[in-house]
């Protein structure tokens, strides 16, 4: 029986999630490679594939209308499409540019007016094509990706967490950042990472985005209680990885 064909594609992104995939070294991943045939992966191989695919991982946001035909072609070829990483899922950090008109000047300086640097608002790839599943994170959680692929190979629907990071902190018996006078976005951040940051004394920055229907206003009110922070800090802080999920895109 032929192995399922798997391919990776990238759009507007840093390709860090693909690099994360190449960082595997544990036996679980090596065993997985025995069961799938990776036929296209620009970060690790030069071969290209034009045949039908079983699973297509798409990294990066949809920020240029010119990319729509390529996305549609991937969707046509693939049985399953997975938005791979936060940029593909919600546009992630790319979506910060949706809140300013001067981003090209800040990023490209004197080259800002070059036509090939022009783009539209950054959105998740599901705004251009149908996405079947999401692997959240900046970068993705490699063990969650392994689980998603394993479930698909066994004919099961992957379970994607839709509860806050606070749940995982409770499971780990991690001291709440607010209890030590810090801040945290874990109340509305999507879990699935295992909450390593709060466990190491670092506030959650919601790098996996927010849960469905998060209470933004309540989160901002909680953050506003942090003493010594400038006015507007809390509202801007909740945009870092989640600018498109705030509902206030210009």
C-alpha atoms as a PDB file:
ATOM      1  CA  UNK A   1       0.000   0.000   0.000  1.00  0.00           C
ATOM      2  CA  UNK A   2       1.384   3.400  -1.043  1.00  0.00           C
ATOM      3  CA  UNK A   3       2.281   5.878   1.659  1.00  0.00           C
ATOM      4  CA  UNK A   4       0.148   9.053   1.934  1.00  0.00           C
ATOM      5  CA  UNK A   5       1.747  11.927   0.020  1.00  0.00           C
ATOM      6  CA  UNK A   6       2.495  14.975   2.179  1.00  0.00           C
ATOM      7  CA  UNK A   7       3.687  18.393   0.979  1.00  0.00           C
ATOM      8  CA  UNK A   8       4.559  21.723   2.597  1.00  0.00           C
ATOM      9  CA  UNK A   9       3.888  25.112   1.021  1.00  0.00           C
ATOM     10  CA  UNK A  10       4.684  28.641   2.175  1.00  0.00           C
ATOM     11  CA  UNK A  11       3.188  32.064   1.581  1.00  0.00           C
ATOM     12  CA  UNK A  12       3.676  35.270   3.633  1.00  0.00           C
ATOM     13  CA  UNK A  13       5.778  34.013   6.552  1.00  0.00           C
ATOM     14  CA  UNK A  14       9.276  33.533   7.935  1.00  0.00           C
ATOM     15  CA  UNK A  15       9.085  29.759   7.283  1.00  0.00           C
ATOM     16  CA  UNK A  16       9.931  29.186  10.928  1.00  0.00           C
ATOM     17  CA  UNK A  17       7.225  26.543  11.294  1.00  0.00           C
ATOM     18  CA  UNK A  18       8.803  24.510   8.511  1.00  0.00           C
ATOM     19  CA  UNK A  19      12.194  24.886  10.180  1.00  0.00           C
ATOM     20  CA  UNK A  20      10.578  23.642  13.401  1.00  0.00           C
ATOM     21  CA  UNK A  21       9.514  20.507  11.515  1.00  0.00           C
ATOM     22  CA  UNK A  22      13.146  19.827  10.586  1.00  0.00           C
ATOM     23  CA  UNK A  23      14.160  20.093  14.264  1.00  0.00           C
ATOM     24  CA  UNK A  24      12.627  16.736  15.082  1.00  0.00           C
ATOM     25  CA  UNK A  25      15.021  14.135  16.314  1.00  0.00           C
ATOM     26  CA  UNK A  26      12.996  11.932  18.586  1.00  0.00           C
ATOM     27  CA  UNK A  27      12.094   8.329  17.623  1.00  0.00           C
ATOM     28  CA  UNK A  28       8.382   9.206  17.359  1.00  0.00           C
ATOM     29  CA  UNK A  29       8.978  11.483  14.381  1.00  0.00           C
ATOM     30  CA  UNK A  30      11.447   9.146  12.719  1.00  0.00           C
ATOM     31  CA  UNK A  31       8.858   6.402  13.023  1.00  0.00           C
ATOM     32  CA  UNK A  32       6.234   8.663  11.466  1.00  0.00           C
ATOM     33  CA  UNK A  33       8.440   9.204   8.407  1.00  0.00           C
ATOM     34  CA  UNK A  34       8.130   5.470   7.759  1.00  0.00           C
ATOM     35  CA  UNK A  35       4.407   5.956   7.162  1.00  0.00           C
ATOM     36  CA  UNK A  36       4.248   9.120   5.001  1.00  0.00           C
ATOM     37  CA  UNK A  37       5.971  10.201   1.807  1.00  0.00           C
ATOM     38  CA  UNK A  38       7.085  13.849   1.968  1.00  0.00           C
ATOM     39  CA  UNK A  39       7.052  14.852  -1.714  1.00  0.00           C
ATOM     40  CA  UNK A  40       7.597  18.622  -1.457  1.00  0.00           C
ATOM     41  CA  UNK A  41       9.240  20.639   1.303  1.00  0.00           C
ATOM     42  CA  UNK A  42      11.292  23.634   0.170  1.00  0.00           C
ATOM     43  CA  UNK A  43      13.247  23.933   3.429  1.00  0.00           C
ATOM     44  CA  UNK A  44      14.535  20.376   3.254  1.00  0.00           C
ATOM     45  CA  UNK A  45      14.410  19.153  -0.341  1.00  0.00           C
ATOM     46  CA  UNK A  46      14.573  20.477  -3.913  1.00  0.00           C
ATOM     47  CA  UNK A  47      12.066  18.065  -5.472  1.00  0.00           C
ATOM     48  CA  UNK A  48       8.674  19.394  -6.609  1.00  0.00           C
ATOM     49  CA  UNK A  49       5.409  17.495  -6.923  1.00  0.00           C
ATOM     50  CA  UNK A  50       2.502  18.137  -9.294  1.00  0.00           C
ATOM     51  CA  UNK A  51       0.524  15.022  -8.418  1.00  0.00           C
ATOM     52  CA  UNK A  52      -2.508  14.754  -6.116  1.00  0.00           C
ATOM     53  CA  UNK A  53      -1.697  15.043  -2.413  1.00  0.00           C
ATOM     54  CA  UNK A  54      -3.119  13.401   0.671  1.00  0.00           C
ATOM     55  CA  UNK A  55      -2.114  16.173   3.091  1.00  0.00           C
ATOM     56  CA  UNK A  56      -0.998  19.719   2.301  1.00  0.00           C
ATOM     57  CA  UNK A  57       0.517  21.865   5.043  1.00  0.00           C
ATOM     58  CA  UNK A  58       0.258  25.562   4.225  1.00  0.00           C
ATOM     59  CA  UNK A  59       2.429  28.004   6.153  1.00  0.00           C
ATOM     60  CA  UNK A  60       2.009  31.771   5.951  1.00  0.00           C
ATOM     61  CA  UNK A  61      -0.802  34.272   5.650  1.00  0.00           C
ATOM     62  CA  UNK A  62      -2.802  35.276   2.576  1.00  0.00           C
ATOM     63  CA  UNK A  63      -1.678  38.834   1.892  1.00  0.00           C
ATOM     64  CA  UNK A  64      -1.571  39.123  -1.899  1.00  0.00           C
ATOM     65  CA  UNK A  65      -4.447  38.509  -4.283  1.00  0.00           C
ATOM     66  CA  UNK A  66      -1.883  37.170  -6.733  1.00  0.00           C
ATOM     67  CA  UNK A  67      -1.434  34.170  -4.398  1.00  0.00           C
ATOM     68  CA  UNK A  68      -5.071  33.084  -4.635  1.00  0.00           C
ATOM     69  CA  UNK A  69      -4.649  30.891  -7.778  1.00  0.00           C
ATOM     70  CA  UNK A  70      -1.759  28.992  -6.165  1.00  0.00           C
ATOM     71  CA  UNK A  71      -3.771  28.434  -2.987  1.00  0.00           C
ATOM     72  CA  UNK A  72      -6.731  27.222  -5.020  1.00  0.00           C
ATOM     73  CA  UNK A  73      -4.486  24.819  -6.948  1.00  0.00           C
ATOM     74  CA  UNK A  74      -3.147  23.352  -3.683  1.00  0.00           C
ATOM     75  CA  UNK A  75      -6.708  22.951  -2.434  1.00  0.00           C
ATOM     76  CA  UNK A  76      -7.721  21.219  -5.667  1.00  0.00           C
ATOM     77  CA  UNK A  77      -4.855  18.736  -5.405  1.00  0.00           C
ATOM     78  CA  UNK A  78      -5.032  17.949  -1.685  1.00  0.00           C
ATOM     79  CA  UNK A  79      -7.504  15.691   0.130  1.00  0.00           C
ATOM     80  CA  UNK A  80      -6.710  17.471   3.409  1.00  0.00           C
ATOM     81  CA  UNK A  81      -5.420  21.023   3.881  1.00  0.00           C
ATOM     82  CA  UNK A  82      -3.896  22.063   7.211  1.00  0.00           C
ATOM     83  CA  UNK A  83      -3.231  25.707   8.076  1.00  0.00           C
ATOM     84  CA  UNK A  84       0.251  25.240   9.492  1.00  0.00           C
ATOM     85  CA  UNK A  85       1.231  27.786  12.128  1.00  0.00           C
ATOM     86  CA  UNK A  86      -0.307  31.020  13.355  1.00  0.00           C
ATOM     87  CA  UNK A  87       0.299  33.025  10.170  1.00  0.00           C
ATOM     88  CA  UNK A  88      -1.697  30.524   8.127  1.00  0.00           C
ATOM     89  CA  UNK A  89      -4.362  30.119  10.812  1.00  0.00           C
ATOM     90  CA  UNK A  90      -5.115  33.773  11.615  1.00  0.00           C
ATOM     91  CA  UNK A  91      -2.311  35.787   9.907  1.00  0.00           C
ATOM     92  CA  UNK A  92      -0.487  35.963  13.247  1.00  0.00           C
ATOM     93  CA  UNK A  93       2.122  38.686  13.565  1.00  0.00           C
ATOM     94  CA  UNK A  94       1.639  39.591   9.897  1.00  0.00           C
ATOM     95  CA  UNK A  95      -1.769  40.982  10.835  1.00  0.00           C
ATOM     96  CA  UNK A  96      -0.151  43.779  12.853  1.00  0.00           C
ATOM     97  CA  UNK A  97       0.246  45.656   9.578  1.00  0.00           C
ATOM     98  CA  UNK A  98      -3.539  45.715   9.229  1.00  0.00           C
ATOM     99  CA  UNK A  99      -3.575  48.350  11.971  1.00  0.00           C
ATOM    100  CA  UNK A 100      -1.238  50.837  10.313  1.00  0.00           C
ATOM    101  CA  UNK A 101      -0.751  52.369   6.871  1.00  0.00           C
ATOM    102  CA  UNK A 102       2.991  53.007   7.332  1.00  0.00           C
ATOM    103  CA  UNK A 103       4.238  49.452   7.723  1.00  0.00           C
ATOM    104  CA  UNK A 104       6.147  49.414   4.422  1.00  0.00           C
ATOM    105  CA  UNK A 105       8.156  52.493   5.414  1.00  0.00           C
ATOM    106  CA  UNK A 106       8.997  50.986   8.801  1.00  0.00           C
ATOM    107  CA  UNK A 107      10.012  47.627   7.338  1.00  0.00           C
ATOM    108  CA  UNK A 108      11.586  48.510   3.980  1.00  0.00           C
ATOM    109  CA  UNK A 109      12.771  52.103   4.452  1.00  0.00           C
ATOM    110  CA  UNK A 110      13.829  53.747   1.172  1.00  0.00           C
ATOM    111  CA  UNK A 111      12.571  50.730  -0.812  1.00  0.00           C
ATOM    112  CA  UNK A 112       9.029  50.981   0.556  1.00  0.00           C
ATOM    113  CA  UNK A 113       7.523  52.218  -2.725  1.00  0.00           C
ATOM    114  CA  UNK A 114       8.789  49.324  -4.854  1.00  0.00           C
ATOM    115  CA  UNK A 115       5.726  47.699  -6.489  1.00  0.00           C
ATOM    116  CA  UNK A 116       6.608  44.105  -5.630  1.00  0.00           C
ATOM    117  CA  UNK A 117       6.393  44.984  -1.917  1.00  0.00           C
ATOM    118  CA  UNK A 118       2.761  46.040  -2.155  1.00  0.00           C
ATOM    119  CA  UNK A 119       0.224  43.819  -0.414  1.00  0.00           C
ATOM    120  CA  UNK A 120      -3.288  43.733   0.987  1.00  0.00           C
ATOM    121  CA  UNK A 121      -4.411  43.139   4.552  1.00  0.00           C
ATOM    122  CA  UNK A 122      -2.997  39.889   5.928  1.00  0.00           C
ATOM    123  CA  UNK A 123      -5.571  37.195   6.708  1.00  0.00           C
ATOM    124  CA  UNK A 124      -5.561  33.467   7.341  1.00  0.00           C
ATOM    125  CA  UNK A 125      -5.503  31.175   4.313  1.00  0.00           C
ATOM    126  CA  UNK A 126      -9.071  30.096   5.098  1.00  0.00           C
ATOM    127  CA  UNK A 127     -10.142  33.457   3.669  1.00  0.00           C
ATOM    128  CA  UNK A 128      -9.064  32.176   0.248  1.00  0.00           C
ATOM    129  CA  UNK A 129      -9.684  28.410   0.402  1.00  0.00           C
ATOM    130  CA  UNK A 130     -11.357  25.805   2.589  1.00  0.00           C
ATOM    131  CA  UNK A 131      -9.107  24.625   5.432  1.00  0.00           C
ATOM    132  CA  UNK A 132      -9.770  21.276   7.066  1.00  0.00           C
ATOM    133  CA  UNK A 133      -7.639  21.526  10.202  1.00  0.00           C
ATOM    134  CA  UNK A 134      -5.414  24.018  12.032  1.00  0.00           C
ATOM    135  CA  UNK A 135      -2.004  23.579  13.663  1.00  0.00           C
ATOM    136  CA  UNK A 136      -1.711  26.705  15.784  1.00  0.00           C
ATOM    137  CA  UNK A 137       1.366  28.375  17.235  1.00  0.00           C
ATOM    138  CA  UNK A 138       4.339  30.599  16.447  1.00  0.00           C
ATOM    139  CA  UNK A 139       5.990  28.236  15.826  1.00  0.00           C
ATOM    140  CA  UNK A 140       3.771  25.165  15.794  1.00  0.00           C
ATOM    141  CA  UNK A 141       3.911  22.641  18.618  1.00  0.00           C
ATOM    142  CA  UNK A 142       5.747  19.748  16.967  1.00  0.00           C
ATOM    143  CA  UNK A 143       4.094  17.115  19.146  1.00  0.00           C
ATOM    144  CA  UNK A 144       0.655  18.437  18.292  1.00  0.00           C
ATOM    145  CA  UNK A 145       1.514  18.238  14.576  1.00  0.00           C
ATOM    146  CA  UNK A 146       2.622  14.644  15.043  1.00  0.00           C
ATOM    147  CA  UNK A 147      -0.672  13.911  16.771  1.00  0.00           C
ATOM    148  CA  UNK A 148      -2.692  15.553  14.002  1.00  0.00           C
ATOM    149  CA  UNK A 149      -0.942  13.492  11.318  1.00  0.00           C
ATOM    150  CA  UNK A 150      -1.221  10.316  13.379  1.00  0.00           C
ATOM    151  CA  UNK A 151      -4.959  10.833  13.828  1.00  0.00           C
ATOM    152  CA  UNK A 152      -5.448  11.430  10.104  1.00  0.00           C
ATOM    153  CA  UNK A 153      -3.487   8.285   9.238  1.00  0.00           C
ATOM    154  CA  UNK A 154      -5.784   6.323  11.548  1.00  0.00           C
ATOM    155  CA  UNK A 155      -8.950   7.830  10.081  1.00  0.00           C
ATOM    156  CA  UNK A 156      -9.696   9.980  13.144  1.00  0.00           C
ATOM    157  CA  UNK A 157     -10.506  13.675  13.330  1.00  0.00           C
ATOM    158  CA  UNK A 158      -7.693  15.556  15.090  1.00  0.00           C
ATOM    159  CA  UNK A 159      -8.702  17.190  18.368  1.00  0.00           C
ATOM    160  CA  UNK A 160      -7.680  20.855  18.398  1.00  0.00           C
ATOM    161  CA  UNK A 161      -7.788  22.478  21.879  1.00  0.00           C
ATOM    162  CA  UNK A 162     -10.342  25.264  22.312  1.00  0.00           C
ATOM    163  CA  UNK A 163      -9.835  26.108  25.970  1.00  0.00           C
ATOM    164  CA  UNK A 164      -7.503  28.670  27.605  1.00  0.00           C
ATOM    165  CA  UNK A 165      -3.889  28.220  28.602  1.00  0.00           C
ATOM    166  CA  UNK A 166      -4.955  28.718  32.232  1.00  0.00           C
ATOM    167  CA  UNK A 167      -6.314  25.160  32.127  1.00  0.00           C
ATOM    168  CA  UNK A 168      -2.875  23.787  31.301  1.00  0.00           C
ATOM    169  CA  UNK A 169      -1.255  25.931  33.997  1.00  0.00           C
ATOM    170  CA  UNK A 170      -3.677  24.444  36.538  1.00  0.00           C
ATOM    171  CA  UNK A 171      -2.792  20.933  35.357  1.00  0.00           C
ATOM    172  CA  UNK A 172       0.906  21.687  35.811  1.00  0.00           C
ATOM    173  CA  UNK A 173       0.250  23.390  39.155  1.00  0.00           C
ATOM    174  CA  UNK A 174       2.044  26.473  37.839  1.00  0.00           C
ATOM    175  CA  UNK A 175       1.879  29.625  39.948  1.00  0.00           C
ATOM    176  CA  UNK A 176      -0.266  32.231  38.170  1.00  0.00           C
ATOM    177  CA  UNK A 177       1.727  35.142  36.802  1.00  0.00           C
ATOM    178  CA  UNK A 178      -0.796  37.552  38.295  1.00  0.00           C
ATOM    179  CA  UNK A 179      -0.110  36.122  41.751  1.00  0.00           C
ATOM    180  CA  UNK A 180       3.495  37.333  41.440  1.00  0.00           C
ATOM    181  CA  UNK A 181       2.567  40.786  40.132  1.00  0.00           C
ATOM    182  CA  UNK A 182       3.118  39.967  36.451  1.00  0.00           C
ATOM    183  CA  UNK A 183       0.719  39.995  33.476  1.00  0.00           C
ATOM    184  CA  UNK A 184      -0.477  37.138  31.269  1.00  0.00           C
ATOM    185  CA  UNK A 185      -2.804  36.555  28.301  1.00  0.00           C
ATOM    186  CA  UNK A 186      -3.507  32.965  29.296  1.00  0.00           C
ATOM    187  CA  UNK A 187      -7.137  33.666  30.250  1.00  0.00           C
ATOM    188  CA  UNK A 188      -8.166  33.838  26.597  1.00  0.00           C
ATOM    189  CA  UNK A 189      -5.138  32.307  24.824  1.00  0.00           C
ATOM    190  CA  UNK A 190      -5.679  28.982  23.037  1.00  0.00           C
ATOM    191  CA  UNK A 191      -4.101  26.042  24.860  1.00  0.00           C
ATOM    192  CA  UNK A 192      -2.316  23.102  23.295  1.00  0.00           C
ATOM    193  CA  UNK A 193       1.265  24.151  23.943  1.00  0.00           C
ATOM    194  CA  UNK A 194       1.424  22.671  27.442  1.00  0.00           C
ATOM    195  CA  UNK A 195       1.914  26.157  28.959  1.00  0.00           C
ATOM    196  CA  UNK A 196       5.735  26.059  29.105  1.00  0.00           C
ATOM    197  CA  UNK A 197       6.152  29.837  29.281  1.00  0.00           C
ATOM    198  CA  UNK A 198       4.304  30.499  32.573  1.00  0.00           C
ATOM    199  CA  UNK A 199       6.006  27.416  34.026  1.00  0.00           C
ATOM    200  CA  UNK A 200       9.346  29.077  33.260  1.00  0.00           C
ATOM    201  CA  UNK A 201       8.240  32.403  34.737  1.00  0.00           C
ATOM    202  CA  UNK A 202       7.358  34.018  31.399  1.00  0.00           C
ATOM    203  CA  UNK A 203       3.893  35.495  30.712  1.00  0.00           C
ATOM    204  CA  UNK A 204       1.783  33.827  28.024  1.00  0.00           C
ATOM    205  CA  UNK A 205       1.736  35.976  24.877  1.00  0.00           C
ATOM    206  CA  UNK A 206      -1.052  33.995  23.126  1.00  0.00           C
ATOM    207  CA  UNK A 207       1.231  32.787  20.326  1.00  0.00           C
ATOM    208  CA  UNK A 208      -1.466  30.214  19.428  1.00  0.00           C
ATOM    209  CA  UNK A 209      -4.067  32.956  19.129  1.00  0.00           C
ATOM    210  CA  UNK A 210      -7.242  33.189  21.180  1.00  0.00           C
ATOM    211  CA  UNK A 211      -9.907  30.613  21.882  1.00  0.00           C
ATOM    212  CA  UNK A 212     -13.131  30.921  19.903  1.00  0.00           C
ATOM    213  CA  UNK A 213     -15.232  33.878  21.120  1.00  0.00           C
ATOM    214  CA  UNK A 214     -12.731  35.271  23.650  1.00  0.00           C
ATOM    215  CA  UNK A 215     -13.796  38.070  25.979  1.00  0.00           C
ATOM    216  CA  UNK A 216     -11.369  40.772  24.787  1.00  0.00           C
ATOM    217  CA  UNK A 217     -12.813  43.530  26.912  1.00  0.00           C
ATOM    218  CA  UNK A 218     -12.531  41.504  30.113  1.00  0.00           C
ATOM    219  CA  UNK A 219      -8.920  40.644  29.274  1.00  0.00           C
ATOM    220  CA  UNK A 220      -8.077  44.303  28.673  1.00  0.00           C
ATOM    221  CA  UNK A 221      -9.699  45.278  31.983  1.00  0.00           C
ATOM    222  CA  UNK A 222      -7.601  42.708  33.835  1.00  0.00           C
ATOM    223  CA  UNK A 223      -4.410  43.876  32.120  1.00  0.00           C
ATOM    224  CA  UNK A 224      -5.245  47.537  32.772  1.00  0.00           C
ATOM    225  CA  UNK A 225      -4.962  46.839  36.496  1.00  0.00           C
ATOM    226  CA  UNK A 226      -1.222  46.348  36.064  1.00  0.00           C
ATOM    227  CA  UNK A 227       0.396  49.311  37.815  1.00  0.00           C
ATOM    228  CA  UNK A 228       2.875  51.503  35.997  1.00  0.00           C
ATOM    229  CA  UNK A 229       1.852  50.603  32.439  1.00  0.00           C
ATOM    230  CA  UNK A 230       1.126  53.477  30.002  1.00  0.00           C
ATOM    231  CA  UNK A 231      -2.391  54.203  28.806  1.00  0.00           C
ATOM    232  CA  UNK A 232      -3.421  51.916  25.955  1.00  0.00           C
ATOM    233  CA  UNK A 233      -0.719  49.345  26.743  1.00  0.00           C
ATOM    234  CA  UNK A 234      -3.187  46.564  27.493  1.00  0.00           C
ATOM    235  CA  UNK A 235      -5.178  46.981  24.291  1.00  0.00           C
ATOM    236  CA  UNK A 236      -2.058  46.986  22.133  1.00  0.00           C
ATOM    237  CA  UNK A 237      -0.515  44.088  24.051  1.00  0.00           C
ATOM    238  CA  UNK A 238      -3.392  41.819  23.117  1.00  0.00           C
ATOM    239  CA  UNK A 239      -2.660  42.360  19.420  1.00  0.00           C
ATOM    240  CA  UNK A 240       0.799  40.856  19.081  1.00  0.00           C
ATOM    241  CA  UNK A 241      -0.144  37.423  17.709  1.00  0.00           C
ATOM    242  CA  UNK A 242      -3.876  38.044  17.516  1.00  0.00           C
ATOM    243  CA  UNK A 243      -4.441  41.297  15.600  1.00  0.00           C
ATOM    244  CA  UNK A 244      -7.086  39.735  13.345  1.00  0.00           C
ATOM    245  CA  UNK A 245      -8.927  38.185  16.285  1.00  0.00           C
ATOM    246  CA  UNK A 246      -9.493  41.477  18.028  1.00  0.00           C
ATOM    247  CA  UNK A 247     -12.285  42.485  15.634  1.00  0.00           C
ATOM    248  CA  UNK A 248     -10.929  46.020  15.231  1.00  0.00           C
ATOM    249  CA  UNK A 249      -8.944  45.772  11.992  1.00  0.00           C
ATOM    250  CA  UNK A 250      -8.863  49.050  10.097  1.00  0.00           C
END
